[in-house]
Protein backbone atom coordinates (compact mmCIF):
# COMPACT_ATOMS: atom_id res chain seq x y z
CA MET A 1 11.16 23.64 -13.63
CA ASN A 2 11.70 20.42 -14.22
CA LEU A 3 9.74 18.02 -11.55
CA LYS A 4 11.06 14.69 -12.57
CA THR A 5 11.97 12.00 -9.90
CA GLN A 6 15.79 12.05 -9.95
CA ASP A 7 17.74 10.02 -8.42
CA SER A 8 20.46 10.71 -5.38
CA PRO A 9 23.19 8.35 -3.43
CA ASN A 10 22.30 6.00 -1.28
CA LYS A 11 21.66 7.63 2.07
CA THR A 12 21.61 5.37 5.69
CA ASN A 13 20.93 5.68 9.11
CA ASN A 14 24.64 6.98 9.52
CA SER A 15 23.42 10.63 8.25
CA ARG A 16 20.93 10.49 10.85
CA ARG A 17 23.43 9.78 13.60
CA GLN A 18 25.98 12.51 11.99
CA PHE A 19 23.26 14.99 11.99
CA LEU A 20 22.24 14.27 15.63
CA LYS A 21 26.31 14.41 16.33
CA ALA A 22 26.98 17.56 14.71
CA THR A 23 23.62 19.15 16.75
CA SER A 24 24.86 17.76 20.01
CA ALA A 25 28.14 19.53 19.45
CA THR A 26 26.43 22.85 19.27
CA LEU A 27 24.41 22.04 22.40
CA ALA A 28 27.92 22.04 24.48
CA ALA A 29 27.67 24.72 26.36
CA PRO A 30 25.78 24.20 29.78
CA THR A 31 21.99 23.87 28.81
CA ILE A 32 19.01 22.29 30.15
CA ILE A 33 18.27 19.19 27.86
CA PRO A 34 15.03 17.29 28.23
CA ALA A 35 15.03 13.52 29.94
CA THR A 36 13.15 13.12 26.06
CA ALA A 37 16.67 13.29 24.68
CA LEU A 38 18.37 11.60 26.83
CA GLY A 39 16.11 8.56 26.57
CA LYS A 40 14.96 8.68 30.36
CA ASP A 41 11.24 8.54 29.79
CA GLY A 42 11.22 4.90 28.87
CA ARG A 43 11.82 6.09 25.49
CA PRO A 44 15.50 4.76 23.37
CA ALA A 45 17.88 7.88 22.82
CA PRO A 46 17.61 9.72 19.91
CA SER A 47 20.38 7.45 18.11
CA ASN A 48 18.28 4.59 18.67
CA ARG A 49 14.92 6.05 17.46
CA ILE A 50 13.84 5.83 13.30
CA VAL A 51 13.04 9.06 12.37
CA MET A 52 10.05 9.47 10.34
CA GLY A 53 7.82 11.51 8.07
CA ALA A 54 4.47 11.48 7.12
CA ILE A 55 3.47 11.88 3.42
CA GLY A 56 -0.60 12.38 3.00
CA THR A 57 -1.96 12.86 6.40
CA GLY A 58 -5.68 11.97 5.56
CA GLY A 59 -7.51 9.16 7.62
CA MET A 60 -5.45 6.54 6.29
CA GLY A 61 -2.17 8.58 6.89
CA ARG A 62 -3.59 9.64 10.19
CA HIS A 63 -3.99 6.26 11.12
CA ASP A 64 -0.20 5.01 10.39
CA MET A 65 1.23 7.94 11.78
CA ASN A 66 -0.77 7.27 14.92
CA VAL A 67 0.51 3.81 14.62
CA MET A 68 4.10 4.74 14.10
CA MET A 69 3.95 7.14 17.28
CA SER A 70 2.45 4.89 19.26
CA PHE A 71 6.17 2.98 19.04
CA LYS A 72 8.72 3.99 22.09
CA ASP A 73 11.49 3.57 19.28
CA VAL A 74 9.83 6.09 16.33
CA GLN A 75 10.04 9.52 16.46
CA VAL A 76 7.25 11.36 13.62
CA VAL A 77 9.20 15.29 12.92
CA ALA A 78 7.62 15.80 9.74
CA VAL A 79 4.70 15.98 7.80
CA CYS A 80 3.59 16.43 4.12
CA ASP A 81 -0.06 16.98 2.63
CA VAL A 82 -1.48 19.36 -0.50
CA ASP A 83 -4.28 19.80 1.98
CA LYS A 84 -3.59 22.99 4.76
CA ALA A 85 -6.06 21.24 6.65
CA ASN A 86 -4.97 17.57 6.72
CA ARG A 87 -1.52 19.27 6.73
CA THR A 88 -2.32 21.09 10.13
CA THR A 89 -4.46 17.98 11.62
CA GLY A 90 -1.53 15.78 11.24
CA LEU A 91 1.01 18.68 12.80
CA ASN A 92 -1.32 18.57 15.74
CA MET A 93 -1.20 15.50 16.62
CA VAL A 94 2.85 15.22 16.70
CA HIS A 95 3.11 18.37 18.63
CA LYS A 96 0.01 16.54 21.35
CA LYS A 97 2.01 13.26 21.21
CA TYR A 98 5.27 14.63 22.08
CA GLY A 99 4.39 17.77 23.70
CA ASN A 100 6.50 19.69 21.49
CA LYS A 101 6.21 22.18 18.24
CA ASP A 102 9.07 20.30 16.37
CA ALA A 103 7.50 19.11 13.69
CA LYS A 104 7.69 20.60 10.41
CA PRO A 105 4.89 20.72 7.85
CA TYR A 106 5.41 20.21 4.37
CA HIS A 107 3.84 21.22 1.34
CA ASP A 108 5.81 19.57 -1.49
CA TYR A 109 6.95 16.26 -0.60
CA ARG A 110 10.40 16.37 -2.53
CA LYS A 111 11.70 18.67 0.07
CA LEU A 112 10.81 15.96 3.37
CA VAL A 113 12.68 13.58 1.43
CA ALA A 114 15.67 15.61 1.11
CA ARG A 115 15.99 15.63 5.14
CA LYS A 116 18.77 13.80 5.68
CA ASP A 117 17.87 13.17 9.40
CA ILE A 118 14.80 11.08 8.02
CA ASP A 119 14.98 7.69 8.11
CA ALA A 120 11.87 6.50 6.78
CA VAL A 121 8.89 7.94 5.60
CA THR A 122 4.93 6.58 5.44
CA VAL A 123 3.37 7.09 1.87
CA THR A 124 -0.30 7.42 2.50
CA THR A 125 -1.54 9.41 -0.53
CA PRO A 126 -4.20 8.46 -3.06
CA ASP A 127 -3.32 5.69 -5.10
CA HIS A 128 -1.78 7.80 -8.26
CA TRP A 129 0.72 9.24 -5.74
CA HIS A 130 2.29 6.04 -4.60
CA ALA A 131 4.54 5.94 -6.68
CA LEU A 132 5.97 9.35 -7.25
CA ALA A 133 6.38 10.04 -3.10
CA SER A 134 7.71 6.65 -2.69
CA VAL A 135 10.42 6.23 -5.74
CA ALA A 136 11.73 9.88 -4.63
CA ALA A 137 11.70 8.71 -0.74
CA LEU A 138 13.98 5.35 -1.69
CA ASN A 139 15.97 7.13 -4.41
CA SER A 140 16.84 9.86 -1.47
CA GLY A 141 17.81 6.87 0.92
CA LYS A 142 14.72 6.69 2.85
CA ASP A 143 12.77 2.98 3.80
CA VAL A 144 9.00 3.41 2.88
CA TYR A 145 5.72 2.28 4.24
CA CYS A 146 3.55 2.49 1.48
CA GLU A 147 0.01 1.94 1.48
CA LYS A 148 -1.37 -0.84 -1.00
CA PRO A 149 -2.40 -1.21 -3.45
CA LEU A 150 1.57 -0.41 -4.16
CA ALA A 151 0.60 2.05 -6.91
CA ASN A 152 -2.07 3.02 -9.13
CA SER A 153 -0.57 1.08 -12.30
CA ILE A 154 1.65 -2.12 -13.38
CA ALA A 155 4.16 -0.07 -14.57
CA GLU A 156 4.21 2.49 -11.72
CA SER A 157 4.07 -0.30 -9.12
CA ARG A 158 7.28 -1.44 -11.03
CA ALA A 159 9.01 1.37 -10.48
CA ILE A 160 8.41 1.48 -6.83
CA LEU A 161 9.93 -2.35 -6.81
CA ASP A 162 13.01 -1.23 -9.12
CA ALA A 163 13.90 2.02 -6.63
CA GLN A 164 14.13 -0.62 -3.61
CA ILE A 165 15.78 -2.86 -5.28
CA LYS A 166 18.46 -0.44 -6.48
CA ASN A 167 18.42 1.61 -3.33
CA LYS A 168 18.97 -1.49 -1.20
CA ARG A 169 15.93 0.14 1.12
CA ILE A 170 13.14 -1.44 2.86
CA LEU A 171 9.31 -1.44 1.98
CA GLN A 172 6.67 -2.30 3.77
CA CYS A 173 3.46 -2.48 1.56
CA GLY A 174 0.10 -1.47 3.33
CA SER A 175 -1.17 -5.46 2.71
CA HIS A 176 -1.71 -5.17 7.09
CA GLU A 177 -3.72 -9.02 6.66
CA ARG A 178 -0.71 -10.40 5.61
CA SER A 179 0.23 -10.11 9.02
CA ASN A 180 -2.60 -11.59 10.83
CA ALA A 181 -1.80 -14.63 13.00
CA ASN A 182 -5.21 -17.00 11.36
CA GLY A 183 -4.17 -15.42 7.64
CA ARG A 184 -0.69 -16.92 7.99
CA TYR A 185 -1.66 -20.05 9.83
CA ALA A 186 -4.40 -20.76 7.23
CA ALA A 187 -1.63 -20.70 4.43
CA GLU A 188 0.57 -22.92 6.18
CA LEU A 189 -2.13 -25.04 6.67
CA VAL A 190 -2.50 -24.71 2.65
CA ARG A 191 0.52 -24.98 1.75
CA ASN A 192 1.70 -28.21 4.10
CA GLY A 193 -1.37 -29.80 2.75
CA ARG A 194 -3.80 -29.45 5.02
CA ILE A 195 -6.61 -29.95 2.61
CA GLY A 196 -4.77 -31.73 -0.10
CA LYS A 197 -3.36 -30.53 -3.37
CA LEU A 198 -4.57 -27.27 -3.62
CA LYS A 199 -7.02 -26.44 -6.67
CA THR A 200 -8.59 -23.27 -6.67
CA VAL A 201 -8.99 -20.06 -4.76
CA ARG A 202 -12.19 -17.93 -4.50
CA ILE A 203 -12.14 -14.33 -4.13
CA ASN A 204 -14.83 -12.89 -2.94
CA LEU A 205 -15.29 -8.91 -3.09
CA PRO A 206 -19.20 -7.65 -2.11
CA CYS A 207 -19.90 -4.17 -3.25
CA ASP A 208 -23.13 -3.94 -1.44
CA GLN A 209 -21.57 -1.35 1.34
CA ASN A 210 -23.05 1.88 2.10
CA HIS A 211 -20.44 3.98 0.37
CA HIS A 212 -20.78 1.44 -2.85
CA LYS A 213 -24.41 1.86 -2.99
CA GLN A 214 -23.51 6.22 -2.92
CA ALA A 215 -20.75 5.83 -6.21
CA LYS A 216 -23.02 3.45 -8.08
CA THR A 217 -25.59 6.12 -7.95
CA TYR A 218 -23.82 9.39 -7.72
CA ILE A 219 -25.07 11.78 -10.43
CA LEU A 220 -22.31 14.83 -10.94
CA ASP A 221 -24.00 18.09 -10.19
CA LYS A 222 -23.80 20.81 -12.83
CA LYS A 223 -22.42 23.71 -9.85
CA LYS A 224 -19.24 25.44 -10.33
CA HIS A 225 -17.49 24.70 -7.50
CA GLN A 226 -14.37 26.55 -5.75
CA VAL A 227 -11.28 24.77 -4.70
CA PRO A 228 -11.02 25.30 -0.88
CA ALA A 229 -8.65 27.38 0.67
CA GLY A 230 -5.68 25.98 1.73
CA PHE A 231 -5.97 23.20 -1.05
CA ASP A 232 -3.53 22.52 -4.23
CA PHE A 233 -5.77 20.80 -6.25
CA ASP A 234 -3.72 21.11 -9.03
CA THR A 235 -0.66 19.47 -7.12
CA TRP A 236 -3.24 16.68 -5.97
CA LEU A 237 -4.29 16.15 -9.32
CA GLY A 238 -0.53 15.51 -10.32
CA HIS A 239 0.05 13.64 -13.17
CA THR A 240 -3.36 12.95 -13.78
CA PRO A 241 -5.82 14.77 -16.77
CA LYS A 242 -6.58 17.99 -15.51
CA VAL A 243 -9.69 18.66 -14.58
CA PRO A 244 -13.02 20.68 -12.99
CA TYR A 245 -12.42 20.53 -9.06
CA HIS A 246 -15.38 18.38 -7.35
CA PRO A 247 -15.62 17.68 -3.34
CA ARG A 248 -16.84 14.37 -4.66
CA ARG A 249 -13.51 13.86 -6.81
CA CYS A 250 -11.03 14.15 -3.84
CA HIS A 251 -10.88 12.83 -0.56
CA PHE A 252 -12.11 9.22 0.19
CA TRP A 253 -14.48 9.23 -3.51
CA TRP A 254 -11.02 8.85 -5.11
CA ARG A 255 -10.92 4.98 -5.13
CA PHE A 256 -14.09 4.90 -7.41
CA ILE A 257 -11.90 6.94 -10.10
CA LEU A 258 -9.52 4.74 -12.07
CA ALA A 259 -7.43 7.41 -12.84
CA TYR A 260 -6.74 7.57 -9.18
CA GLY A 261 -7.66 4.62 -7.92
CA GLY A 262 -8.83 0.74 -9.09
CA GLY A 263 -12.27 0.98 -7.26
CA GLU A 264 -12.96 -2.31 -5.34
CA MET A 265 -10.84 -4.40 -7.06
CA THR A 266 -7.50 -2.41 -5.78
CA ASP A 267 -9.19 -1.68 -2.44
CA ARG A 268 -9.95 -4.27 -0.44
CA GLY A 269 -9.20 -6.93 -3.66
CA ALA A 270 -5.65 -5.66 -2.64
CA HIS A 271 -6.03 -7.21 0.57
CA VAL A 272 -8.25 -10.71 -0.55
CA ILE A 273 -5.44 -10.85 -3.14
CA ASP A 274 -2.52 -10.64 -1.76
CA LEU A 275 -3.33 -13.23 0.96
CA ALA A 276 -4.70 -15.67 -2.00
CA GLN A 277 -0.86 -15.39 -3.04
CA LEU A 278 0.51 -16.16 0.34
CA GLY A 279 -1.65 -19.37 0.50
CA MET A 280 -0.81 -20.02 -3.10
CA ASN A 281 2.67 -19.63 -2.77
CA THR A 282 2.54 -17.19 -5.68
CA ASP A 283 4.25 -13.94 -4.09
CA ASP A 284 6.91 -14.05 -6.71
CA THR A 285 4.94 -14.54 -9.99
CA GLY A 286 1.33 -13.64 -11.05
CA PRO A 287 -1.28 -16.02 -13.34
CA VAL A 288 -0.55 -16.24 -16.88
CA GLU A 289 -4.14 -15.68 -18.65
CA ILE A 290 -6.58 -13.38 -16.92
CA SER A 291 -10.37 -13.34 -17.91
CA ALA A 292 -12.93 -10.74 -15.90
CA LYS A 293 -15.95 -8.89 -16.42
CA GLY A 294 -17.55 -5.80 -14.32
CA ALA A 295 -19.95 -3.33 -14.85
CA GLN A 296 -19.71 0.31 -14.79
CA SER A 297 -22.68 2.71 -13.45
CA LYS A 298 -24.12 4.26 -16.72
CA THR A 299 -25.09 7.44 -15.08
CA SER A 300 -22.70 7.63 -11.96
CA PHE A 301 -19.98 10.53 -11.89
CA TYR A 302 -17.68 7.28 -11.11
CA ASP A 303 -15.88 4.62 -13.36
CA ALA A 304 -15.09 2.12 -11.49
CA TYR A 305 -16.13 -1.46 -11.97
CA TRP A 306 -18.74 -3.23 -10.28
CA ASP A 307 -20.48 -6.41 -9.55
CA PHE A 308 -17.60 -8.32 -11.24
CA SER A 309 -16.54 -11.91 -11.77
CA PHE A 310 -12.68 -12.91 -12.77
CA VAL A 311 -10.79 -16.19 -13.72
CA ASN A 312 -6.96 -15.87 -13.24
CA LYS A 313 -4.80 -19.06 -14.48
CA PHE A 314 -1.51 -19.72 -13.01
CA ALA A 315 1.42 -21.49 -14.58
CA ASN A 316 1.49 -23.87 -11.41
CA GLY A 317 -2.39 -25.25 -12.29
CA ILE A 318 -4.13 -23.49 -9.35
CA THR A 319 -7.31 -21.34 -10.92
CA MET A 320 -8.34 -17.78 -8.81
CA ILE A 321 -12.18 -16.99 -9.28
CA GLY A 322 -13.74 -14.03 -8.13
CA THR A 323 -16.94 -12.80 -7.73
CA SER A 324 -18.79 -9.92 -5.75
CA ASP A 325 -20.53 -12.82 -4.02
CA LYS A 326 -20.87 -12.19 -0.03
CA PRO A 327 -19.01 -12.64 2.17
CA ARG A 328 -15.56 -11.24 2.04
CA GLY A 329 -12.65 -13.03 1.78
CA LEU A 330 -11.45 -15.92 0.30
CA LYS A 331 -11.58 -20.35 0.08
CA TYR A 332 -8.89 -22.58 -0.51
CA GLU A 333 -10.34 -25.53 -2.32
CA GLY A 334 -8.51 -28.21 -2.24
CA THR A 335 -8.81 -31.74 -2.62
CA ASP A 336 -9.21 -32.83 0.76
CA GLY A 337 -11.04 -29.79 2.18
CA TRP A 338 -11.48 -26.67 1.81
CA ILE A 339 -10.37 -23.24 4.41
CA PHE A 340 -12.37 -19.65 3.89
CA VAL A 341 -10.61 -16.68 5.33
CA HIS A 342 -12.65 -13.89 5.98
CA VAL A 343 -11.67 -9.96 5.66
CA HIS A 344 -10.73 -8.05 7.55
CA GLY A 345 -10.04 -9.99 10.64
CA CYS A 346 -9.07 -13.19 9.24
CA LYS A 347 -11.68 -15.19 11.17
CA LEU A 348 -11.41 -19.17 9.66
CA GLU A 349 -13.87 -21.63 9.13
CA ALA A 350 -13.02 -25.02 7.25
CA SER A 351 -14.73 -27.77 5.65
CA ASP A 352 -13.59 -30.23 9.08
CA PRO A 353 -13.46 -28.02 11.83
CA LYS A 354 -10.62 -30.70 12.71
CA ILE A 355 -8.59 -29.24 10.54
CA LEU A 356 -8.17 -25.74 11.92
CA LYS A 357 -6.60 -27.66 14.90
CA GLU A 358 -3.77 -28.68 12.91
CA LYS A 359 -0.40 -28.18 14.53
CA ILE A 360 2.48 -27.10 12.04
CA GLY A 361 5.65 -29.30 12.75
CA PRO A 362 9.05 -27.86 12.70
CA ASN A 363 10.12 -29.31 9.80
CA GLU A 364 7.06 -27.96 7.45
CA ILE A 365 6.63 -24.81 6.07
CA ASN A 366 6.50 -22.36 8.60
CA LEU A 367 5.92 -18.25 8.06
CA GLY A 368 6.34 -17.31 11.07
CA ARG A 369 4.60 -14.38 12.70
CA SER A 370 4.15 -10.55 13.20
CA PRO A 371 3.96 -8.49 15.65
CA GLY A 372 1.62 -5.87 13.40
CA HIS A 373 2.26 -4.83 10.33
CA GLN A 374 3.74 -1.28 11.19
CA ARG A 375 6.21 -2.76 13.75
CA ASN A 376 7.19 -5.35 11.20
CA PHE A 377 8.12 -2.49 9.45
CA ILE A 378 9.86 -0.73 11.86
CA ASP A 379 11.53 -3.87 13.10
CA CYS A 380 13.18 -4.59 9.77
CA VAL A 381 13.95 -0.68 9.69
CA LYS A 382 16.63 -2.13 12.24
CA SER A 383 17.59 -5.03 11.38
CA ARG A 384 17.59 -4.76 7.41
CA LYS A 385 15.68 -8.17 7.06
CA GLN A 386 12.75 -8.04 4.53
CA PRO A 387 9.45 -7.37 5.88
CA PHE A 388 6.22 -9.69 5.60
CA ALA A 389 4.85 -7.61 2.76
CA HIS A 390 7.98 -6.52 1.01
CA ALA A 391 8.10 -4.36 -2.54
CA GLY A 392 8.72 -7.48 -4.61
CA ILE A 393 5.20 -9.00 -2.82
CA GLY A 394 3.37 -6.01 -2.86
CA HIS A 395 3.92 -5.04 -6.89
CA HIS A 396 2.98 -8.76 -7.60
CA SER A 397 -0.68 -8.21 -5.55
CA ALA A 398 -1.08 -5.28 -7.24
CA VAL A 399 -0.37 -6.27 -10.66
CA ILE A 400 -2.91 -9.23 -10.56
CA CYS A 401 -5.53 -6.26 -9.39
CA HIS A 402 -4.82 -4.01 -12.31
CA LEU A 403 -4.57 -7.10 -14.56
CA ASN A 404 -8.43 -7.58 -13.93
CA ASN A 405 -9.08 -4.25 -14.33
CA ILE A 406 -7.19 -4.42 -17.71
CA ALA A 407 -9.45 -7.37 -18.76
CA MET A 408 -12.77 -5.55 -17.56
CA LYS A 409 -12.26 -2.32 -19.75
CA THR A 410 -10.70 -4.27 -23.11
CA GLY A 411 -13.14 -7.45 -22.77
CA LYS A 412 -10.66 -9.82 -23.60
CA THR A 413 -8.63 -13.23 -22.53
CA LEU A 414 -5.50 -11.63 -21.63
CA LYS A 415 -2.05 -13.45 -21.78
CA TRP A 416 0.38 -12.13 -19.42
CA ASP A 417 4.15 -13.23 -19.30
CA PRO A 418 5.27 -13.29 -15.81
CA LYS A 419 8.78 -12.77 -16.19
CA LYS A 420 9.18 -10.28 -18.90
CA GLU A 421 5.35 -8.42 -17.30
CA LYS A 422 4.06 -7.52 -20.40
CA ILE A 423 0.33 -8.75 -21.52
CA THR A 424 1.49 -10.73 -24.67
CA ASN A 425 -1.72 -10.84 -26.96
CA ASP A 426 -2.96 -7.21 -26.75
CA SER A 427 -1.16 -4.66 -27.84
CA TYR A 428 -3.80 -1.87 -26.57
CA ALA A 429 -4.35 -3.94 -23.29
CA ASN A 430 -0.64 -3.81 -22.46
CA SER A 431 -0.27 -0.28 -23.08
CA LEU A 432 -2.52 0.32 -20.69
CA CYS A 433 -0.52 -0.98 -18.32
CA LYS A 434 1.46 2.17 -17.81
CA PRO A 435 -0.27 5.47 -17.28
CA VAL A 436 0.40 8.88 -19.89
CA MET A 437 1.66 11.05 -17.26
CA ARG A 438 0.77 14.81 -17.62
CA LYS A 439 3.72 16.99 -17.89
CA PRO A 440 5.79 17.51 -15.98
CA TRP A 441 5.19 14.82 -13.64
CA ALA A 442 6.87 11.68 -14.67
CA LEU A 443 9.10 8.79 -13.57
């Protein structure tokens, strides 16, 4: 069976309207129609709702789904997960929210995205599944809210961006700090010269939380573990190498195994580096030179990099310097001062407190404000405007994270061509931009 992602004709919201129209025809005979179907419960009528499905219903998946279901103009009608426990929990959440049993569970995301009545999906899987699921959804005419980082490799991230452009869909990457008003204000201050000419951005990504300490020291036991009933572990592995099941390989802990995630570099780094991109005005590009060092635990089961340092040089003369120092966040350093943005939450500090009281004038660079990251996505699904963390933004932020991981793996200073998206001075390093996919999965 060929499981390769296939292109399909673009679908628009008209398909959902046609579906609802056809359904309405079957109800022509006298019947009792619930008030929710008519919009009398304070919610928009079905023709004005965004119909959604959720791909991935683990911890973060349920969070995103809950936020989407809090909007009166959204109706979640389907959930998908290869773990029956997660799938059942997600399904029960939907039924409890809407007071019905109408939502449908799926084991295979391709069946969910094939539904013509679904307008949009959340993709909240482990990182190594972002690309296959998102590309399939985009090619099926769905708008996508995909968690950060956009994908687990540069090539997969590029494939998502290409599919979004080709299908003219809306995609919001889950870099939610970008919707924080303080984060946007800090970027406006920087881009409007309130700290002079921006010279350096310092990235702090400490790896000192309890889950970091556990991952650094975890030694794999010799016991053979049985795959839990209802968990399709082989599909969970997807395109990655076939390996024995272990509970510490999967839920949550996958992020510290490079086949599935990028460690802290892509976990929190995708937030902090993304904000740096906004302040540097480099959302459509990336660094031209990358050097990085990091340590892998010699005894741990997990192969992610820890206690890293990196230097990313941009063509505009700005240098981004990263370490595992505290506190987590980023520091814009200009010729006339600095601003520090704490992540998460975007609390601000500055070399002079007066900087943080500056007003941004109407003729200056104004980056706008968000009603909330998920809400921004839904509004853009309706307006067809680009959201605050569209596919191009998510892609370029993810690329930087992956380049730093590649530089740590190779120990080389890398030269990157942001236009060709190619490492130009090391063929082996460039080969690491694209994973070797286990058949039958492919992009």
